[in-house]
Protein backbone atom coordinates (compact mmCIF):
# COMPACT_ATOMS: atom_id res chain seq x y z
CA MET A 1 -16.69 -39.37 19.20
CA ILE A 2 -20.28 -40.79 19.80
CA ASP A 3 -22.55 -42.31 16.42
CA MET A 4 -25.80 -41.21 17.20
CA ASN A 5 -27.29 -42.55 13.95
CA GLY A 6 -28.08 -38.98 12.80
CA LYS A 7 -29.50 -37.76 16.33
CA THR A 8 -28.98 -34.57 18.01
CA ILE A 9 -28.88 -33.32 21.43
CA THR A 10 -31.82 -30.72 22.29
CA ASN A 11 -32.83 -28.87 24.97
CA LEU A 12 -29.68 -28.02 26.26
CA GLY A 13 -29.67 -25.43 29.46
CA SER A 14 -27.30 -22.13 29.29
CA GLY A 15 -24.02 -23.46 30.12
CA GLN A 16 -22.79 -22.86 33.75
CA THR A 17 -19.32 -24.22 33.73
CA PRO A 18 -16.89 -24.05 31.13
CA THR A 19 -16.81 -27.80 30.01
CA ASP A 20 -20.36 -27.66 29.82
CA ALA A 21 -22.35 -27.73 26.64
CA VAL A 22 -24.49 -25.19 24.96
CA ARG A 23 -27.16 -24.42 22.42
CA LYS A 24 -25.77 -22.89 18.86
CA LYS A 25 -27.83 -19.73 19.55
CA TYR A 26 -26.16 -19.46 22.26
CA VAL A 27 -22.62 -19.22 20.38
CA ASN A 28 -24.22 -17.68 17.40
CA GLU A 29 -25.73 -14.74 19.53
CA LYS A 30 -22.16 -14.60 22.15
CA PHE A 31 -19.82 -14.46 19.65
CA PHE A 32 -20.99 -13.81 15.70
CA LYS A 33 -23.12 -11.20 15.13
CA LYS A 34 -23.87 -10.65 11.90
CA GLY A 35 -22.31 -7.37 10.38
CA VAL A 36 -20.42 -7.06 13.89
CA PRO A 37 -16.68 -7.38 13.28
CA VAL A 38 -14.84 -10.35 15.30
CA ASP A 39 -13.01 -8.90 17.71
CA MET A 40 -9.95 -11.55 18.86
CA GLN A 41 -8.81 -9.48 21.05
CA ASN A 42 -5.11 -9.63 20.00
CA ASN A 43 -5.29 -13.52 19.38
CA PRO A 44 -3.97 -15.13 16.59
CA ILE A 45 -6.16 -17.27 14.16
CA LYS A 46 -4.35 -20.42 13.91
CA ASN A 47 -4.31 -23.68 11.70
CA VAL A 48 -5.29 -21.87 8.69
CA LEU A 49 -5.97 -24.28 5.77
CA ALA A 50 -4.33 -23.08 2.20
CA PRO A 51 -7.16 -21.15 0.13
CA VAL A 52 -9.09 -23.01 -2.25
CA ASP A 53 -11.99 -20.85 -3.11
CA GLU A 54 -12.07 -17.15 -3.93
CA GLY A 55 -13.55 -16.04 -0.24
CA ASP A 56 -11.49 -18.25 1.79
CA ALA A 57 -8.92 -16.67 4.05
CA ALA A 58 -5.25 -17.30 3.75
CA ASN A 59 -2.44 -18.51 5.86
CA LYS A 60 0.63 -16.81 5.80
CA SER A 61 3.36 -19.71 4.19
CA TYR A 62 0.74 -19.64 1.65
CA VAL A 63 0.86 -15.46 0.82
CA ASP A 64 4.91 -15.65 1.46
CA SER A 65 5.06 -18.44 -1.12
CA LYS A 66 3.71 -15.75 -3.97
CA SER A 67 6.41 -13.50 -5.24
CA VAL A 68 5.38 -9.99 -7.40
CA GLY A 69 4.27 -10.00 -10.40
CA GLU A 70 3.31 -14.41 -10.21
CA THR A 71 0.29 -13.73 -11.09
CA GLY A 72 -1.48 -10.26 -12.26
CA LEU A 73 -3.14 -8.09 -10.18
CA ASP A 74 -6.96 -7.93 -11.50
CA MET A 75 -8.13 -4.54 -10.05
CA ARG A 76 -11.42 -5.32 -11.89
CA ASP A 77 -11.82 -1.23 -12.67
CA HIS A 78 -11.26 -0.56 -9.12
CA LEU A 79 -9.05 2.23 -8.04
CA VAL A 80 -6.23 2.16 -5.15
CA LYS A 81 -7.26 4.62 -2.41
CA ASN A 82 -6.16 6.27 0.65
CA GLY A 83 -2.01 5.84 -0.44
CA ARG A 84 0.24 7.53 2.02
CA TRP A 85 2.40 9.94 1.64
CA ARG A 86 5.98 8.16 -0.01
CA GLU A 87 8.57 7.22 2.17
CA GLU A 88 10.67 5.18 0.72
CA ARG A 89 12.56 4.89 -3.23
CA HIS A 90 9.98 1.63 -3.73
CA ASP A 91 6.81 3.03 -1.58
CA ALA A 92 3.99 3.74 -4.50
CA ALA A 93 2.99 7.52 -5.04
CA ASN A 94 -0.44 8.59 -4.33
CA ARG A 95 -1.69 11.43 -6.38
CA ALA A 96 -1.13 13.99 -4.17
CA TYR A 97 2.89 13.47 -3.89
CA VAL A 98 3.16 13.01 -7.50
CA TYR A 99 1.67 17.01 -8.42
CA PHE A 100 3.96 18.03 -5.38
CA VAL A 101 6.88 16.52 -6.62
CA ALA A 102 5.79 17.78 -10.32
CA SER A 103 4.97 21.07 -9.16
CA LYS A 104 8.46 21.52 -8.30
CA ARG A 105 10.45 21.00 -11.34
CA LEU A 106 10.71 23.04 -13.86
CA PRO A 107 9.43 22.22 -17.19
CA LEU A 108 11.23 20.84 -20.26
CA GLU A 109 10.11 23.65 -22.74
CA GLY A 110 10.70 25.99 -19.72
CA GLY A 111 9.52 28.38 -17.19
CA THR A 112 10.65 30.51 -14.06
CA MET A 113 12.31 29.75 -11.47
CA ARG A 114 12.66 31.39 -8.26
CA GLY A 115 15.31 30.88 -5.38
CA ASP A 116 18.93 29.25 -5.19
CA ILE A 117 19.71 26.23 -7.66
CA TRP A 118 21.47 23.24 -5.70
CA MET A 119 23.44 21.30 -8.46
CA GLY A 120 24.89 18.82 -5.93
CA GLY A 121 28.30 19.40 -7.49
CA TYR A 122 26.92 19.37 -11.37
CA SER A 123 27.63 21.86 -13.74
CA ILE A 124 25.64 23.78 -16.47
CA ARG A 125 27.38 22.68 -19.94
CA ASN A 126 26.81 23.17 -23.35
CA ILE A 127 26.48 26.81 -23.35
CA ASN A 128 25.74 29.12 -26.23
CA PRO A 129 29.49 30.48 -26.59
CA ASN A 130 28.51 33.58 -28.26
CA PRO A 131 26.06 34.89 -25.85
CA GLN A 132 24.06 37.52 -27.39
CA ASN A 133 21.65 39.05 -24.77
CA GLU A 134 21.87 40.04 -21.71
CA ASP A 135 20.22 37.49 -19.93
CA GLU A 136 22.28 34.60 -20.92
CA LEU A 137 24.64 32.71 -19.30
CA VAL A 138 27.94 33.48 -19.95
CA PRO A 139 30.69 30.87 -20.45
CA LYS A 140 34.41 31.20 -18.87
CA ARG A 141 36.32 30.92 -22.39
CA TRP A 142 34.19 33.93 -23.48
CA ILE A 143 34.81 35.83 -20.52
CA GLU A 144 38.78 35.08 -20.81
CA GLU A 145 38.54 35.87 -24.39
CA ASN A 146 36.83 39.04 -24.02
CA PHE A 147 38.18 41.15 -20.92
């Protein structure tokens, strides 16, 4: 490092070789255009420190050291948007998925079902032992006793 007693180098040319010094304006115009994302061309960003201020980037070890629920996620009245269709049991479900699943369920207060019911090897139990109407389920014992 050269101590220049607060002085700067001025009137630099436009660098010709990779080792030439260039002006700050050249760097800003070439690489950092305001409002335009920086394209890293699939290259990683290395040697990022742990964040200190709210707007700081976080390195992988900092993120990995945090566990879910360690600190509350304050959404500040914002919504999570553009959620995908749920694929795994632990995935969050978007609104469309919830409505789709709910539309396939029979409400507890009753309703109309069409099509086959797959019970997955389970049975319907606690059927009225003395059916009164033609459209009621009939338990096996009632059939045996009446026929």
